[in-house]
C-alpha cells in the first residue's frame, strides 16, 4: 500500500509499483491449493497440476520479474535519482523490492519442497 501511495502522490514509479503488484497473479493458485486441501482433494490430479503450475508461476512472476526489476532499477538509477523524490519514496523503492524478493525466494523454496514431496509420494502410490 505504501508503494501505491508513493506512486500516486509523486506521479512516478508506476511501472515499478505495477511490477510488484503483478506478483499477486500467483494468488489464484494458492487459493485453489487451499480449497483442494480443505475439501479433501489433496490426492487428486488437479491438486498436482495446480501445484506444478504454482511453481512455474512463482518462478516467472515472483522471481524472474523481480530480477528484471532490479536490473531496470540499476540501469535507470541516475534518472530515478534526478527526480528528487522524497526520502521515504526512495527508501520504498530501494528497500521494498529486496525485502519482498527475499520473502519470495523463501516461499519458492517451500513450494518446491512441497512439489518434490507431492511428486515423490504420487510415484510411490503408482509403484
N, C-alpha and C. Protein backbone atom coordinates (compact mmCIF):
# COMPACT_ATOMS: atom_id res chain seq x y z
N UNK A 1 0.83 -1.19 0.00
CA UNK A 1 0.00 0.00 0.00
C UNK A 1 0.87 1.25 0.00
N UNK A 2 1.98 1.19 0.72
CA UNK A 2 2.86 2.36 0.77
C UNK A 2 3.44 2.65 -0.61
N UNK A 3 3.78 1.64 -1.35
CA UNK A 3 4.31 1.83 -2.70
C UNK A 3 3.27 2.43 -3.63
N UNK A 4 2.04 1.97 -3.55
CA UNK A 4 0.96 2.52 -4.36
C UNK A 4 0.73 3.97 -3.99
N UNK A 5 0.73 4.26 -2.70
CA UNK A 5 0.56 5.64 -2.23
C UNK A 5 1.70 6.52 -2.72
N UNK A 6 2.93 6.01 -2.63
CA UNK A 6 4.08 6.77 -3.11
C UNK A 6 3.99 7.08 -4.60
N UNK A 7 3.58 6.10 -5.40
CA UNK A 7 3.45 6.32 -6.84
C UNK A 7 2.33 7.30 -7.14
N UNK A 8 1.24 7.21 -6.38
CA UNK A 8 0.12 8.12 -6.60
C UNK A 8 0.47 9.55 -6.21
N UNK A 9 1.17 9.72 -5.11
CA UNK A 9 1.50 11.08 -4.64
C UNK A 9 2.59 11.75 -5.47
N UNK A 10 3.57 10.97 -5.92
CA UNK A 10 4.67 11.57 -6.67
C UNK A 10 4.42 11.60 -8.16
N UNK A 11 3.55 10.73 -8.65
CA UNK A 11 3.26 10.68 -10.08
C UNK A 11 4.31 9.94 -10.88
N UNK A 12 5.23 9.25 -10.21
CA UNK A 12 6.25 8.48 -10.92
C UNK A 12 6.34 7.09 -10.31
N UNK A 13 7.13 6.24 -10.94
CA UNK A 13 7.39 4.86 -10.49
C UNK A 13 6.17 3.96 -10.59
N UNK A 14 5.25 4.30 -11.47
CA UNK A 14 4.07 3.44 -11.62
C UNK A 14 4.43 2.07 -12.16
N UNK A 15 5.40 2.02 -13.06
CA UNK A 15 5.82 0.74 -13.62
C UNK A 15 6.40 -0.18 -12.56
N UNK A 16 7.20 0.37 -11.65
CA UNK A 16 7.77 -0.43 -10.57
C UNK A 16 6.67 -0.91 -9.62
N UNK A 17 5.73 -0.04 -9.35
CA UNK A 17 4.61 -0.42 -8.48
C UNK A 17 3.80 -1.54 -9.11
N UNK A 18 3.52 -1.41 -10.40
CA UNK A 18 2.76 -2.46 -11.09
C UNK A 18 3.53 -3.77 -11.14
N UNK A 19 4.84 -3.70 -11.31
CA UNK A 19 5.65 -4.92 -11.34
C UNK A 19 5.54 -5.67 -10.02
N UNK A 20 5.58 -4.93 -8.92
CA UNK A 20 5.47 -5.57 -7.60
C UNK A 20 4.05 -6.11 -7.40
N UNK A 21 3.04 -5.35 -7.82
CA UNK A 21 1.66 -5.82 -7.69
C UNK A 21 1.37 -7.02 -8.59
N UNK A 22 2.12 -7.15 -9.67
CA UNK A 22 1.94 -8.26 -10.60
C UNK A 22 2.17 -9.61 -9.93
N UNK A 23 2.91 -9.62 -8.83
CA UNK A 23 3.17 -10.87 -8.12
C UNK A 23 1.88 -11.47 -7.56
N UNK A 24 0.84 -10.68 -7.47
CA UNK A 24 -0.43 -11.20 -6.97
C UNK A 24 -1.10 -12.17 -7.94
N UNK A 25 -0.55 -12.33 -9.13
CA UNK A 25 -1.10 -13.30 -10.07
C UNK A 25 -0.95 -14.74 -9.58
N UNK A 26 -0.11 -14.95 -8.60
CA UNK A 26 0.04 -16.30 -8.04
C UNK A 26 -1.06 -16.63 -7.03
N UNK A 27 -1.82 -15.65 -6.60
CA UNK A 27 -2.84 -15.85 -5.58
C UNK A 27 -3.89 -16.89 -5.95
N UNK A 28 -4.42 -16.92 -7.20
CA UNK A 28 -5.41 -17.97 -7.52
C UNK A 28 -4.87 -19.39 -7.32
N UNK A 29 -3.59 -19.61 -7.62
CA UNK A 29 -3.01 -20.94 -7.41
C UNK A 29 -2.95 -21.28 -5.93
N UNK A 30 -2.59 -20.30 -5.12
CA UNK A 30 -2.54 -20.53 -3.67
C UNK A 30 -3.93 -20.79 -3.10
N UNK A 31 -4.91 -20.02 -3.56
CA UNK A 31 -6.28 -20.20 -3.08
C UNK A 31 -6.86 -21.54 -3.52
N UNK A 32 -6.59 -21.94 -4.77
CA UNK A 32 -7.08 -23.24 -5.23
C UNK A 32 -6.41 -24.37 -4.46
N UNK A 33 -5.14 -24.22 -4.15
CA UNK A 33 -4.45 -25.24 -3.35
C UNK A 33 -5.10 -25.38 -1.99
N UNK A 34 -5.37 -24.26 -1.36
CA UNK A 34 -6.03 -24.29 -0.04
C UNK A 34 -7.40 -24.94 -0.15
N UNK A 35 -8.17 -24.57 -1.17
CA UNK A 35 -9.52 -25.13 -1.34
C UNK A 35 -9.48 -26.63 -1.56
N UNK A 36 -8.57 -27.09 -2.42
CA UNK A 36 -8.47 -28.53 -2.67
C UNK A 36 -8.01 -29.27 -1.42
N UNK A 37 -7.09 -28.69 -0.70
CA UNK A 37 -6.61 -29.31 0.54
C UNK A 37 -7.73 -29.39 1.58
N UNK A 38 -8.48 -28.32 1.71
CA UNK A 38 -9.56 -28.25 2.71
C UNK A 38 -10.70 -29.21 2.38
N UNK A 39 -10.99 -29.38 1.11
CA UNK A 39 -12.09 -30.25 0.71
C UNK A 39 -11.69 -31.72 0.58
N UNK A 40 -10.46 -32.04 0.94
CA UNK A 40 -10.02 -33.43 0.92
C UNK A 40 -9.58 -33.94 -0.43
N UNK A 41 -9.28 -33.04 -1.35
CA UNK A 41 -8.85 -33.45 -2.69
C UNK A 41 -7.34 -33.33 -2.85
N UNK A 42 -6.63 -33.53 -1.77
CA UNK A 42 -5.18 -33.39 -1.79
C UNK A 42 -4.52 -34.46 -2.67
N UNK A 43 -5.17 -35.57 -2.87
CA UNK A 43 -4.61 -36.65 -3.69
C UNK A 43 -5.09 -36.61 -5.14
N UNK A 44 -5.83 -35.57 -5.52
CA UNK A 44 -6.38 -35.51 -6.87
C UNK A 44 -5.34 -35.03 -7.88
N UNK A 45 -5.63 -35.30 -9.12
CA UNK A 45 -4.73 -34.87 -10.21
C UNK A 45 -4.71 -33.35 -10.33
N UNK A 46 -5.84 -32.70 -10.12
CA UNK A 46 -5.90 -31.24 -10.23
C UNK A 46 -5.02 -30.58 -9.16
N UNK A 47 -4.92 -31.20 -8.00
CA UNK A 47 -4.05 -30.69 -6.94
C UNK A 47 -2.59 -30.72 -7.40
N UNK A 48 -2.21 -31.82 -8.05
CA UNK A 48 -0.85 -31.96 -8.56
C UNK A 48 -0.57 -30.95 -9.67
N UNK A 49 -1.50 -30.84 -10.62
CA UNK A 49 -1.32 -29.90 -11.74
C UNK A 49 -1.27 -28.47 -11.22
N UNK A 50 -2.16 -28.13 -10.29
CA UNK A 50 -2.15 -26.79 -9.71
C UNK A 50 -0.82 -26.50 -9.01
N UNK A 51 -0.30 -27.48 -8.30
CA UNK A 51 0.98 -27.30 -7.61
C UNK A 51 2.12 -27.04 -8.57
N UNK A 52 2.15 -27.79 -9.67
CA UNK A 52 3.20 -27.59 -10.66
C UNK A 52 3.06 -26.24 -11.37
N UNK A 53 1.82 -25.85 -11.66
CA UNK A 53 1.60 -24.53 -12.25
C UNK A 53 1.96 -23.41 -11.28
N UNK A 54 1.74 -23.67 -10.00
CA UNK A 54 2.09 -22.68 -8.98
C UNK A 54 3.60 -22.48 -8.94
N UNK A 55 4.37 -23.55 -9.03
CA UNK A 55 5.83 -23.44 -9.07
C UNK A 55 6.26 -22.62 -10.28
N UNK A 56 5.70 -22.94 -11.43
CA UNK A 56 6.05 -22.23 -12.66
C UNK A 56 5.68 -20.75 -12.56
N UNK A 57 4.47 -20.47 -12.11
CA UNK A 57 4.03 -19.08 -11.98
C UNK A 57 4.90 -18.33 -10.98
N UNK A 58 5.26 -18.99 -9.89
CA UNK A 58 6.09 -18.34 -8.87
C UNK A 58 7.46 -17.99 -9.44
N UNK A 59 8.03 -18.92 -10.20
CA UNK A 59 9.34 -18.66 -10.81
C UNK A 59 9.29 -17.47 -11.77
N UNK A 60 8.24 -17.41 -12.56
CA UNK A 60 8.14 -16.35 -13.56
C UNK A 60 7.76 -15.02 -12.92
N UNK A 61 6.70 -15.04 -12.12
CA UNK A 61 6.13 -13.79 -11.61
C UNK A 61 6.87 -13.25 -10.39
N UNK A 62 7.26 -14.11 -9.51
CA UNK A 62 7.85 -13.64 -8.25
C UNK A 62 9.38 -13.61 -8.25
N UNK A 63 10.01 -14.36 -9.12
CA UNK A 63 11.47 -14.40 -9.12
C UNK A 63 12.01 -13.67 -10.36
N UNK A 64 11.66 -14.15 -11.54
CA UNK A 64 12.20 -13.55 -12.77
C UNK A 64 11.80 -12.09 -12.91
N UNK A 65 10.57 -11.77 -12.57
CA UNK A 65 10.12 -10.38 -12.68
C UNK A 65 10.90 -9.47 -11.75
N UNK A 66 11.18 -9.93 -10.54
CA UNK A 66 11.96 -9.13 -9.60
C UNK A 66 13.40 -8.96 -10.09
N UNK A 67 13.97 -9.99 -10.68
CA UNK A 67 15.32 -9.86 -11.22
C UNK A 67 15.36 -8.82 -12.34
N UNK A 68 14.33 -8.83 -13.20
CA UNK A 68 14.22 -7.81 -14.23
C UNK A 68 14.04 -6.43 -13.60
N UNK A 69 13.24 -6.34 -12.56
CA UNK A 69 13.01 -5.07 -11.87
C UNK A 69 14.31 -4.52 -11.30
N UNK A 70 15.12 -5.37 -10.68
CA UNK A 70 16.39 -4.92 -10.12
C UNK A 70 17.33 -4.43 -11.23
N UNK A 71 17.37 -5.16 -12.33
CA UNK A 71 18.22 -4.77 -13.46
C UNK A 71 17.76 -3.41 -14.00
N UNK A 72 16.46 -3.25 -14.13
CA UNK A 72 15.91 -1.99 -14.64
C UNK A 72 16.19 -0.83 -13.69
N UNK A 73 16.03 -1.07 -12.40
CA UNK A 73 16.34 -0.03 -11.41
C UNK A 73 17.81 0.38 -11.48
N UNK A 74 18.70 -0.58 -11.59
CA UNK A 74 20.12 -0.27 -11.66
C UNK A 74 20.46 0.50 -12.94
N UNK A 75 19.87 0.09 -14.03
CA UNK A 75 20.15 0.73 -15.31
C UNK A 75 19.66 2.18 -15.34
N UNK A 76 18.50 2.44 -14.74
CA UNK A 76 17.88 3.77 -14.78
C UNK A 76 18.06 4.55 -13.48
N UNK A 77 19.01 4.14 -12.65
CA UNK A 77 19.15 4.78 -11.34
C UNK A 77 19.45 6.28 -11.43
N UNK A 78 20.25 6.71 -12.39
CA UNK A 78 20.56 8.14 -12.49
C UNK A 78 19.32 8.96 -12.82
N UNK A 79 18.44 8.41 -13.64
CA UNK A 79 17.18 9.10 -13.96
C UNK A 79 16.27 9.15 -12.74
N UNK A 80 16.24 8.05 -11.99
CA UNK A 80 15.39 7.99 -10.79
C UNK A 80 15.90 8.97 -9.74
N UNK A 81 17.21 9.00 -9.55
CA UNK A 81 17.79 9.90 -8.56
C UNK A 81 17.59 11.36 -8.95
N UNK A 82 17.54 11.65 -10.25
CA UNK A 82 17.36 13.03 -10.71
C UNK A 82 15.95 13.55 -10.43
N UNK A 83 15.01 12.68 -10.14
CA UNK A 83 13.63 13.08 -9.88
C UNK A 83 13.46 13.80 -8.53
N UNK A 84 14.46 13.74 -7.69
CA UNK A 84 14.42 14.36 -6.36
C UNK A 84 13.17 13.91 -5.58
N UNK A 85 13.05 12.60 -5.47
CA UNK A 85 11.94 12.00 -4.73
C UNK A 85 12.09 12.26 -3.24
N UNK A 86 10.98 12.26 -2.51
CA UNK A 86 11.09 12.32 -1.05
C UNK A 86 11.86 11.10 -0.54
N UNK A 87 12.52 11.26 0.57
CA UNK A 87 13.34 10.18 1.12
C UNK A 87 12.54 8.90 1.34
N UNK A 88 11.31 9.04 1.82
CA UNK A 88 10.50 7.84 2.09
C UNK A 88 10.19 7.08 0.80
N UNK A 89 10.05 7.79 -0.31
CA UNK A 89 9.81 7.11 -1.59
C UNK A 89 11.06 6.37 -2.06
N UNK A 90 12.21 7.00 -1.90
CA UNK A 90 13.46 6.32 -2.26
C UNK A 90 13.68 5.07 -1.41
N UNK A 91 13.37 5.19 -0.12
CA UNK A 91 13.50 4.03 0.77
C UNK A 91 12.57 2.91 0.34
N UNK A 92 11.35 3.27 -0.05
CA UNK A 92 10.41 2.24 -0.53
C UNK A 92 10.92 1.60 -1.81
N UNK A 93 11.45 2.40 -2.69
CA UNK A 93 11.91 1.91 -3.98
C UNK A 93 13.16 1.05 -3.84
N UNK A 94 14.03 1.40 -2.93
CA UNK A 94 15.28 0.67 -2.75
C UNK A 94 15.13 -0.46 -1.73
N UNK A 95 14.30 -0.27 -0.72
CA UNK A 95 14.17 -1.25 0.35
C UNK A 95 13.06 -2.26 0.17
N UNK A 96 11.95 -1.83 -0.41
CA UNK A 96 10.78 -2.70 -0.53
C UNK A 96 10.99 -3.92 -1.41
N UNK A 97 11.38 -3.73 -2.66
CA UNK A 97 11.55 -4.90 -3.54
C UNK A 97 12.55 -5.93 -3.05
N UNK A 98 13.72 -5.54 -2.50
CA UNK A 98 14.62 -6.59 -2.00
C UNK A 98 14.01 -7.41 -0.85
N UNK A 99 13.27 -6.75 0.03
CA UNK A 99 12.63 -7.48 1.12
C UNK A 99 11.60 -8.45 0.56
N UNK A 100 10.79 -7.99 -0.38
CA UNK A 100 9.80 -8.87 -0.99
C UNK A 100 10.46 -10.00 -1.78
N UNK A 101 11.59 -9.71 -2.42
CA UNK A 101 12.30 -10.75 -3.17
C UNK A 101 12.81 -11.84 -2.24
N UNK A 102 13.37 -11.46 -1.11
CA UNK A 102 13.86 -12.46 -0.14
C UNK A 102 12.70 -13.31 0.35
N UNK A 103 11.56 -12.69 0.63
CA UNK A 103 10.38 -13.45 1.05
C UNK A 103 9.92 -14.38 -0.06
N UNK A 104 9.95 -13.91 -1.31
CA UNK A 104 9.53 -14.75 -2.44
C UNK A 104 10.46 -15.94 -2.63
N UNK A 105 11.76 -15.73 -2.44
CA UNK A 105 12.71 -16.85 -2.54
C UNK A 105 12.43 -17.86 -1.42
N UNK A 106 12.19 -17.36 -0.21
CA UNK A 106 11.86 -18.25 0.91
C UNK A 106 10.65 -19.11 0.57
N UNK A 107 9.58 -18.47 0.06
CA UNK A 107 8.36 -19.22 -0.27
C UNK A 107 8.56 -20.13 -1.47
N UNK A 108 9.42 -19.73 -2.40
CA UNK A 108 9.71 -20.61 -3.53
C UNK A 108 10.36 -21.89 -3.05
N UNK A 109 11.29 -21.78 -2.12
CA UNK A 109 11.93 -22.98 -1.57
C UNK A 109 10.88 -23.88 -0.93
N UNK A 110 9.97 -23.30 -0.15
CA UNK A 110 8.91 -24.09 0.48
C UNK A 110 8.00 -24.74 -0.57
N UNK A 111 7.65 -23.99 -1.61
CA UNK A 111 6.77 -24.51 -2.66
C UNK A 111 7.44 -25.65 -3.42
N UNK A 112 8.72 -25.49 -3.74
CA UNK A 112 9.45 -26.54 -4.45
C UNK A 112 9.59 -27.78 -3.56
N UNK A 113 9.84 -27.59 -2.28
CA UNK A 113 9.90 -28.73 -1.36
C UNK A 113 8.57 -29.47 -1.34
N UNK A 114 7.47 -28.73 -1.31
CA UNK A 114 6.15 -29.34 -1.34
C UNK A 114 5.89 -30.08 -2.64
N UNK A 115 6.32 -29.49 -3.76
CA UNK A 115 6.13 -30.13 -5.06
C UNK A 115 6.94 -31.42 -5.16
N UNK A 116 8.17 -31.39 -4.67
CA UNK A 116 9.01 -32.59 -4.68
C UNK A 116 8.37 -33.68 -3.81
N UNK A 117 7.89 -33.29 -2.65
CA UNK A 117 7.24 -34.24 -1.75
C UNK A 117 5.99 -34.83 -2.41
N UNK A 118 5.21 -33.98 -3.07
CA UNK A 118 3.99 -34.45 -3.72
C UNK A 118 4.32 -35.37 -4.89
N UNK A 119 5.33 -35.02 -5.68
CA UNK A 119 5.71 -35.86 -6.82
C UNK A 119 6.26 -37.20 -6.37
N UNK A 120 7.08 -37.21 -5.32
CA UNK A 120 7.65 -38.48 -4.84
C UNK A 120 6.57 -39.34 -4.21
N UNK A 121 5.62 -38.75 -3.53
CA UNK A 121 4.56 -39.55 -2.91
C UNK A 121 3.61 -40.10 -3.96
N UNK A 122 3.36 -39.34 -5.04
CA UNK A 122 2.49 -39.86 -6.09
C UNK A 122 3.17 -40.99 -6.87
N UNK A 123 4.49 -40.94 -6.99
CA UNK A 123 5.21 -42.04 -7.65
C UNK A 123 5.18 -43.30 -6.81
N UNK A 124 5.30 -43.14 -5.50
CA UNK A 124 5.26 -44.30 -4.60
C UNK A 124 3.90 -44.98 -4.66
N UNK A 125 2.83 -44.18 -4.81
CA UNK A 125 1.48 -44.75 -4.88
C UNK A 125 1.28 -45.56 -6.16
N UNK A 126 1.92 -45.11 -7.26
CA UNK A 126 1.78 -45.81 -8.54
C UNK A 126 2.55 -47.12 -8.54
N UNK A 127 3.67 -47.17 -7.80
CA UNK A 127 4.50 -48.39 -7.76
C UNK A 127 3.92 -49.43 -6.89
